[in-house]
Amino acid sequence: MPHLSLKDSGLTVREYTLLKRLSTPIKIQDYLDTLAMNWEKQGDTHRSPRETLKAKKAHCIEGALLAATALWIRGEPPLIMNLSPKMGKGDFDHVVALYKRGACYGAISKTNHSVLRFRDPIYKTPRELALTYFHEWFLPSGERLLECYSKPLDLRRFGTSWVTAPTDLWHIAETLSVMPHYNLVPKGHWRHVRRADPIELAAARTPEWPRSHPRT
């Protein structure tokens, strides 16, 4: 598969070299973990990979776009996938970058939670991977939230200008939101889902980047 070249990317040599050095999904994830959480203190953002590199902070879709760019530079398809919670519960979608090793999927994830994180490439389908986030995603009340996941979105459909765009990439977020989504919980089965117990709730209370951290 053709890789994203320096010329086509629009990145500077320094930016491109940084991303090219992230030669495995593990290295990409390790780099994302060094970025502060983008709490959007100055307003909502959907930064391009270039702008994320400048800001040195990201939220989930910004991290997924940066990860997808690094994968593309290495000749892998830049794929992202949306994970959606039940509507009206006060939580937001979570976006991950997908990668494959052999016939199996893994995920690269920028999150502030202790659990909605990287996934190793051991899952046969995107659905199988998405299901691994179900048990760990819940409200402080213990109610589990994950309802559906999207068909993977190949970012090559947008060309290459998004990699360095100076403006927010709302069009990519909107396209992802209208991709086909597939329910994970069989009809009528939410009543059988147990709430997170006190130990799970306690384990989930550790944020990686508190809002008060100066880098956020």
C-alpha atoms as a PDB file:
ATOM      1  CA  MET A   1       0.000   0.000   0.000  1.00  0.00           C
ATOM      2  CA  PRO A   2       1.416   3.448  -0.937  1.00  0.00           C
ATOM      3  CA  HIS A   3       2.749   5.344   2.048  1.00  0.00           C
ATOM      4  CA  LEU A   4       2.147   9.018   2.699  1.00  0.00           C
ATOM      5  CA  SER A   5       5.232  10.757   1.340  1.00  0.00           C
ATOM      6  CA  LEU A   6       6.838  13.875   2.733  1.00  0.00           C
ATOM      7  CA  LYS A   7       5.846  15.821  -0.378  1.00  0.00           C
ATOM      8  CA  ASP A   8       2.211  14.711  -0.337  1.00  0.00           C
ATOM      9  CA  SER A   9       1.802  15.150   3.411  1.00  0.00           C
ATOM     10  CA  GLY A  10       2.591  18.868   3.427  1.00  0.00           C
ATOM     11  CA  LEU A  11       4.455  18.359   6.704  1.00  0.00           C
ATOM     12  CA  THR A  12       7.816  19.896   7.414  1.00  0.00           C
ATOM     13  CA  VAL A  13      10.852  17.612   7.426  1.00  0.00           C
ATOM     14  CA  ARG A  14      10.925  17.831  11.224  1.00  0.00           C
ATOM     15  CA  GLU A  15       7.236  16.943  11.601  1.00  0.00           C
ATOM     16  CA  TYR A  16       7.439  14.110   9.097  1.00  0.00           C
ATOM     17  CA  THR A  17      10.589  12.677  10.671  1.00  0.00           C
ATOM     18  CA  LEU A  18       8.981  12.690  14.112  1.00  0.00           C
ATOM     19  CA  LEU A  19       5.973  10.731  12.867  1.00  0.00           C
ATOM     20  CA  LYS A  20       8.063   8.377  10.746  1.00  0.00           C
ATOM     21  CA  ARG A  21      10.052   7.405  13.823  1.00  0.00           C
ATOM     22  CA  LEU A  22       6.819   6.121  15.357  1.00  0.00           C
ATOM     23  CA  SER A  23       7.323   2.931  13.407  1.00  0.00           C
ATOM     24  CA  THR A  24       4.968   0.623  15.317  1.00  0.00           C
ATOM     25  CA  PRO A  25       1.518   1.018  16.901  1.00  0.00           C
ATOM     26  CA  ILE A  26       3.148   0.663  20.315  1.00  0.00           C
ATOM     27  CA  LYS A  27       5.520   3.560  19.607  1.00  0.00           C
ATOM     28  CA  ILE A  28       2.608   5.641  18.339  1.00  0.00           C
ATOM     29  CA  GLN A  29       0.650   4.927  21.507  1.00  0.00           C
ATOM     30  CA  ASP A  30       3.658   5.718  23.675  1.00  0.00           C
ATOM     31  CA  TYR A  31       3.951   9.095  21.935  1.00  0.00           C
ATOM     32  CA  LEU A  32       0.243   9.872  22.367  1.00  0.00           C
ATOM     33  CA  ASP A  33       0.619   9.134  26.065  1.00  0.00           C
ATOM     34  CA  THR A  34       3.183  11.943  26.327  1.00  0.00           C
ATOM     35  CA  LEU A  35       0.657  14.468  25.006  1.00  0.00           C
ATOM     36  CA  ALA A  36      -1.440  16.274  27.577  1.00  0.00           C
ATOM     37  CA  MET A  37      -5.207  15.878  27.515  1.00  0.00           C
ATOM     38  CA  ASN A  38      -6.898  18.601  25.511  1.00  0.00           C
ATOM     39  CA  TRP A  39      -9.653  19.810  27.836  1.00  0.00           C
ATOM     40  CA  GLU A  40     -10.650  22.435  25.219  1.00  0.00           C
ATOM     41  CA  LYS A  41     -10.390  25.214  27.780  1.00  0.00           C
ATOM     42  CA  GLN A  42     -10.535  27.845  25.038  1.00  0.00           C
ATOM     43  CA  GLY A  43     -13.421  26.199  23.154  1.00  0.00           C
ATOM     44  CA  ASP A  44     -14.097  23.066  21.119  1.00  0.00           C
ATOM     45  CA  THR A  45     -11.337  21.895  18.782  1.00  0.00           C
ATOM     46  CA  HIS A  46     -10.834  19.204  16.153  1.00  0.00           C
ATOM     47  CA  ARG A  47      -7.202  19.905  15.358  1.00  0.00           C
ATOM     48  CA  SER A  48      -5.287  18.507  12.403  1.00  0.00           C
ATOM     49  CA  PRO A  49      -2.215  16.364  13.093  1.00  0.00           C
ATOM     50  CA  ARG A  50       0.064  19.349  12.465  1.00  0.00           C
ATOM     51  CA  GLU A  51      -1.847  21.539  14.904  1.00  0.00           C
ATOM     52  CA  THR A  52      -1.873  18.733  17.474  1.00  0.00           C
ATOM     53  CA  LEU A  53       1.910  18.440  17.204  1.00  0.00           C
ATOM     54  CA  LYS A  54       2.160  22.181  17.813  1.00  0.00           C
ATOM     55  CA  ALA A  55      -0.243  22.174  20.753  1.00  0.00           C
ATOM     56  CA  LYS A  56       1.338  19.077  22.360  1.00  0.00           C
ATOM     57  CA  LYS A  57      -2.074  18.019  23.619  1.00  0.00           C
ATOM     58  CA  ALA A  58      -5.022  16.109  22.175  1.00  0.00           C
ATOM     59  CA  HIS A  59      -8.397  14.595  22.858  1.00  0.00           C
ATOM     60  CA  CYS A  60      -9.565  11.303  21.357  1.00  0.00           C
ATOM     61  CA  ILE A  61     -10.251  12.209  17.720  1.00  0.00           C
ATOM     62  CA  GLU A  62      -7.165  14.435  17.542  1.00  0.00           C
ATOM     63  CA  GLY A  63      -5.066  11.572  18.853  1.00  0.00           C
ATOM     64  CA  ALA A  64      -6.713   9.143  16.434  1.00  0.00           C
ATOM     65  CA  LEU A  65      -5.986  11.428  13.462  1.00  0.00           C
ATOM     66  CA  LEU A  66      -2.356  11.799  14.508  1.00  0.00           C
ATOM     67  CA  ALA A  67      -2.020   8.034  14.941  1.00  0.00           C
ATOM     68  CA  ALA A  68      -3.649   7.390  11.559  1.00  0.00           C
ATOM     69  CA  THR A  69      -1.179   9.781   9.918  1.00  0.00           C
ATOM     70  CA  ALA A  70       1.779   7.960  11.472  1.00  0.00           C
ATOM     71  CA  LEU A  71       0.389   4.631  10.260  1.00  0.00           C
ATOM     72  CA  TRP A  72      -0.126   6.045   6.749  1.00  0.00           C
ATOM     73  CA  ILE A  73       3.477   7.257   6.635  1.00  0.00           C
ATOM     74  CA  ARG A  74       4.492   3.646   7.307  1.00  0.00           C
ATOM     75  CA  GLY A  75       2.297   2.413   4.444  1.00  0.00           C
ATOM     76  CA  GLU A  76      -0.704   1.310   6.500  1.00  0.00           C
ATOM     77  CA  PRO A  77      -4.261   2.544   5.841  1.00  0.00           C
ATOM     78  CA  PRO A  78      -5.308   5.534   7.979  1.00  0.00           C
ATOM     79  CA  LEU A  79      -8.467   4.152   9.584  1.00  0.00           C
ATOM     80  CA  ILE A  80     -10.501   5.541  12.458  1.00  0.00           C
ATOM     81  CA  MET A  81     -13.563   4.122  14.192  1.00  0.00           C
ATOM     82  CA  ASN A  82     -16.223   5.722  16.359  1.00  0.00           C
ATOM     83  CA  LEU A  83     -17.557   4.238  19.593  1.00  0.00           C
ATOM     84  CA  SER A  84     -20.862   5.756  20.715  1.00  0.00           C
ATOM     85  CA  PRO A  85     -22.494   5.734  24.161  1.00  0.00           C
ATOM     86  CA  LYS A  86     -26.209   5.731  24.832  1.00  0.00           C
ATOM     87  CA  MET A  87     -27.723   9.098  23.938  1.00  0.00           C
ATOM     88  CA  GLY A  88     -28.776  11.516  26.636  1.00  0.00           C
ATOM     89  CA  LYS A  89     -26.405  10.184  29.271  1.00  0.00           C
ATOM     90  CA  GLY A  90     -24.000  13.118  29.280  1.00  0.00           C
ATOM     91  CA  ASP A  91     -21.001  11.351  27.768  1.00  0.00           C
ATOM     92  CA  PHE A  92     -19.242  11.725  24.431  1.00  0.00           C
ATOM     93  CA  ASP A  93     -18.241   9.466  21.563  1.00  0.00           C
ATOM     94  CA  HIS A  94     -14.785   7.944  21.668  1.00  0.00           C
ATOM     95  CA  VAL A  95     -12.666   7.678  18.508  1.00  0.00           C
ATOM     96  CA  VAL A  96      -9.765   5.271  17.989  1.00  0.00           C
ATOM     97  CA  ALA A  97      -7.313   4.580  15.165  1.00  0.00           C
ATOM     98  CA  LEU A  98      -7.389   1.034  13.848  1.00  0.00           C
ATOM     99  CA  TYR A  99      -4.451  -1.046  12.686  1.00  0.00           C
ATOM    100  CA  LYS A 100      -3.979  -4.658  11.638  1.00  0.00           C
ATOM    101  CA  ARG A 101      -1.312  -7.255  12.187  1.00  0.00           C
ATOM    102  CA  GLY A 102      -1.993 -10.209   9.967  1.00  0.00           C
ATOM    103  CA  ALA A 103      -5.748 -10.737   9.974  1.00  0.00           C
ATOM    104  CA  CYS A 104      -6.293  -9.158  13.413  1.00  0.00           C
ATOM    105  CA  TYR A 105      -7.263  -5.659  14.496  1.00  0.00           C
ATOM    106  CA  GLY A 106      -5.870  -3.498  17.259  1.00  0.00           C
ATOM    107  CA  ALA A 107      -6.578   0.091  18.320  1.00  0.00           C
ATOM    108  CA  ILE A 108      -4.591   3.184  19.264  1.00  0.00           C
ATOM    109  CA  SER A 109      -6.442   5.442  21.679  1.00  0.00           C
ATOM    110  CA  LYS A 110      -5.989   8.862  23.276  1.00  0.00           C
ATOM    111  CA  THR A 111      -8.072   8.955  26.428  1.00  0.00           C
ATOM    112  CA  ASN A 112      -8.022  10.436  29.886  1.00  0.00           C
ATOM    113  CA  HIS A 113      -9.584   7.311  31.380  1.00  0.00           C
ATOM    114  CA  SER A 114      -7.672   4.476  32.949  1.00  0.00           C
ATOM    115  CA  VAL A 115      -9.377   1.876  30.768  1.00  0.00           C
ATOM    116  CA  LEU A 116     -10.490   3.100  27.291  1.00  0.00           C
ATOM    117  CA  ARG A 117      -6.992   2.707  25.972  1.00  0.00           C
ATOM    118  CA  PHE A 118      -4.715   0.840  23.539  1.00  0.00           C
ATOM    119  CA  ARG A 119      -5.797  -2.568  22.243  1.00  0.00           C
ATOM    120  CA  ASP A 120      -3.391  -5.252  21.065  1.00  0.00           C
ATOM    121  CA  PRO A 121      -3.940  -6.760  17.592  1.00  0.00           C
ATOM    122  CA  ILE A 122      -5.754  -9.934  18.592  1.00  0.00           C
ATOM    123  CA  TYR A 123      -9.313  -9.205  17.403  1.00  0.00           C
ATOM    124  CA  LYS A 124     -10.721 -10.748  14.237  1.00  0.00           C
ATOM    125  CA  THR A 125     -13.199  -7.967  13.437  1.00  0.00           C
ATOM    126  CA  PRO A 126     -13.862  -4.323  14.383  1.00  0.00           C
ATOM    127  CA  ARG A 127     -16.937  -5.559  16.255  1.00  0.00           C
ATOM    128  CA  GLU A 128     -14.884  -7.953  18.344  1.00  0.00           C
ATOM    129  CA  LEU A 129     -12.496  -5.111  19.177  1.00  0.00           C
ATOM    130  CA  ALA A 130     -15.332  -2.685  19.985  1.00  0.00           C
ATOM    131  CA  LEU A 131     -16.834  -5.173  22.437  1.00  0.00           C
ATOM    132  CA  THR A 132     -13.690  -4.955  24.583  1.00  0.00           C
ATOM    133  CA  TYR A 133     -14.636  -1.385  25.484  1.00  0.00           C
ATOM    134  CA  PHE A 134     -18.137  -2.310  26.655  1.00  0.00           C
ATOM    135  CA  HIS A 135     -17.392  -3.589  30.139  1.00  0.00           C
ATOM    136  CA  GLU A 136     -15.052  -0.723  30.992  1.00  0.00           C
ATOM    137  CA  TRP A 137     -17.153   2.254  29.889  1.00  0.00           C
ATOM    138  CA  PHE A 138     -19.560   3.439  32.564  1.00  0.00           C
ATOM    139  CA  LEU A 139     -20.856   6.495  34.379  1.00  0.00           C
ATOM    140  CA  PRO A 140     -19.967   7.362  37.997  1.00  0.00           C
ATOM    141  CA  SER A 141     -23.328   5.777  38.820  1.00  0.00           C
ATOM    142  CA  GLY A 142     -22.036   2.475  37.422  1.00  0.00           C
ATOM    143  CA  GLU A 143     -24.367   2.467  34.406  1.00  0.00           C
ATOM    144  CA  ARG A 144     -22.625   0.992  31.350  1.00  0.00           C
ATOM    145  CA  LEU A 145     -22.824   3.132  28.242  1.00  0.00           C
ATOM    146  CA  LEU A 146     -21.339   1.702  25.048  1.00  0.00           C
ATOM    147  CA  GLU A 147     -24.123   1.203  22.541  1.00  0.00           C
ATOM    148  CA  CYS A 148     -22.630   0.981  19.064  1.00  0.00           C
ATOM    149  CA  TYR A 149     -19.546   1.288  16.877  1.00  0.00           C
ATOM    150  CA  SER A 150     -19.058   2.681  13.381  1.00  0.00           C
ATOM    151  CA  LYS A 151     -17.872   1.227  10.151  1.00  0.00           C
ATOM    152  CA  PRO A 152     -14.168   2.179   9.901  1.00  0.00           C
ATOM    153  CA  LEU A 153     -13.533   5.436   8.061  1.00  0.00           C
ATOM    154  CA  ASP A 154     -10.587   5.505   5.646  1.00  0.00           C
ATOM    155  CA  LEU A 155      -9.152   9.016   5.845  1.00  0.00           C
ATOM    156  CA  ARG A 156      -7.692   8.795   2.358  1.00  0.00           C
ATOM    157  CA  ARG A 157     -11.118   9.788   1.059  1.00  0.00           C
ATOM    158  CA  PHE A 158     -10.312  13.337   2.226  1.00  0.00           C
ATOM    159  CA  GLY A 159      -7.038  13.567   0.293  1.00  0.00           C
ATOM    160  CA  THR A 160      -4.049  14.867   2.257  1.00  0.00           C
ATOM    161  CA  SER A 161      -4.873  18.491   3.096  1.00  0.00           C
ATOM    162  CA  TRP A 162      -6.406  17.517   6.453  1.00  0.00           C
ATOM    163  CA  VAL A 163      -2.982  16.437   7.735  1.00  0.00           C
ATOM    164  CA  THR A 164      -1.777  20.041   7.931  1.00  0.00           C
ATOM    165  CA  ALA A 165      -5.035  22.030   7.923  1.00  0.00           C
ATOM    166  CA  PRO A 166      -4.815  25.187  10.084  1.00  0.00           C
ATOM    167  CA  THR A 167      -8.550  25.031  10.781  1.00  0.00           C
ATOM    168  CA  ASP A 168     -10.561  22.488  12.752  1.00  0.00           C
ATOM    169  CA  LEU A 169     -11.553  19.285  10.954  1.00  0.00           C
ATOM    170  CA  TRP A 170     -15.261  19.346  11.725  1.00  0.00           C
ATOM    171  CA  HIS A 171     -16.065  17.741   8.369  1.00  0.00           C
ATOM    172  CA  ILE A 172     -14.178  14.586   9.314  1.00  0.00           C
ATOM    173  CA  ALA A 173     -15.982  14.336  12.644  1.00  0.00           C
ATOM    174  CA  GLU A 174     -19.316  14.865  10.898  1.00  0.00           C
ATOM    175  CA  THR A 175     -18.553  12.221   8.262  1.00  0.00           C
ATOM    176  CA  LEU A 176     -17.608   9.739  10.961  1.00  0.00           C
ATOM    177  CA  SER A 177     -20.825  10.436  12.861  1.00  0.00           C
ATOM    178  CA  VAL A 178     -22.985   9.518   9.842  1.00  0.00           C
ATOM    179  CA  MET A 179     -21.086   6.369   8.931  1.00  0.00           C
ATOM    180  CA  PRO A 180     -23.122   3.178   9.445  1.00  0.00           C
ATOM    181  CA  HIS A 181     -23.178   2.271  13.137  1.00  0.00           C
ATOM    182  CA  TYR A 182     -23.819  -1.197  14.532  1.00  0.00           C
ATOM    183  CA  ASN A 183     -25.438  -1.953  17.879  1.00  0.00           C
ATOM    184  CA  LEU A 184     -23.519  -4.114  20.332  1.00  0.00           C
ATOM    185  CA  VAL A 185     -26.303  -4.929  22.787  1.00  0.00           C
ATOM    186  CA  PRO A 186     -29.060  -7.234  21.495  1.00  0.00           C
ATOM    187  CA  LYS A 187     -32.538  -5.731  21.568  1.00  0.00           C
ATOM    188  CA  GLY A 188     -34.038  -6.007  25.020  1.00  0.00           C
ATOM    189  CA  HIS A 189     -30.772  -6.970  26.701  1.00  0.00           C
ATOM    190  CA  TRP A 190     -29.883  -3.698  28.399  1.00  0.00           C
ATOM    191  CA  ARG A 191     -32.043  -4.798  31.348  1.00  0.00           C
ATOM    192  CA  HIS A 192     -29.663  -7.706  31.872  1.00  0.00           C
ATOM    193  CA  VAL A 193     -26.515  -5.550  32.040  1.00  0.00           C
ATOM    194  CA  ARG A 194     -25.037  -5.246  35.529  1.00  0.00           C
ATOM    195  CA  ARG A 195     -23.767  -1.921  36.814  1.00  0.00           C
ATOM    196  CA  ALA A 196     -20.097  -1.487  37.626  1.00  0.00           C
ATOM    197  CA  ASP A 197     -19.354  -2.510  41.186  1.00  0.00           C
ATOM    198  CA  PRO A 198     -17.512  -0.402  43.817  1.00  0.00           C
ATOM    199  CA  ILE A 199     -14.098  -1.853  42.985  1.00  0.00           C
ATOM    200  CA  GLU A 200     -14.532  -1.058  39.276  1.00  0.00           C
ATOM    201  CA  LEU A 201     -15.731   2.446  40.107  1.00  0.00           C
ATOM    202  CA  ALA A 202     -12.728   3.060  42.342  1.00  0.00           C
ATOM    203  CA  ALA A 203     -10.309   1.780  39.692  1.00  0.00           C
ATOM    204  CA  ALA A 204     -11.799   4.112  37.078  1.00  0.00           C
ATOM    205  CA  ARG A 205     -11.444   7.297  39.128  1.00  0.00           C
ATOM    206  CA  THR A 206      -7.802   7.925  38.237  1.00  0.00           C
ATOM    207  CA  PRO A 207      -7.527  10.515  35.434  1.00  0.00           C
ATOM    208  CA  GLU A 208      -4.308  10.653  33.461  1.00  0.00           C
ATOM    209  CA  TRP A 209      -4.443  14.436  33.076  1.00  0.00           C
ATOM    210  CA  PRO A 210      -6.437  16.442  35.686  1.00  0.00           C
ATOM    211  CA  ARG A 211      -8.098  19.611  34.407  1.00  0.00           C
ATOM    212  CA  SER A 212      -5.887  21.599  36.768  1.00  0.00           C
ATOM    213  CA  HIS A 213      -2.662  20.367  35.121  1.00  0.00           C
ATOM    214  CA  PRO A 214      -0.898  23.396  33.534  1.00  0.00           C
ATOM    215  CA  ARG A 215      -0.135  21.519  30.290  1.00  0.00           C
ATOM    216  CA  THR A 216      -3.806  20.932  29.533  1.00  0.00           C
END
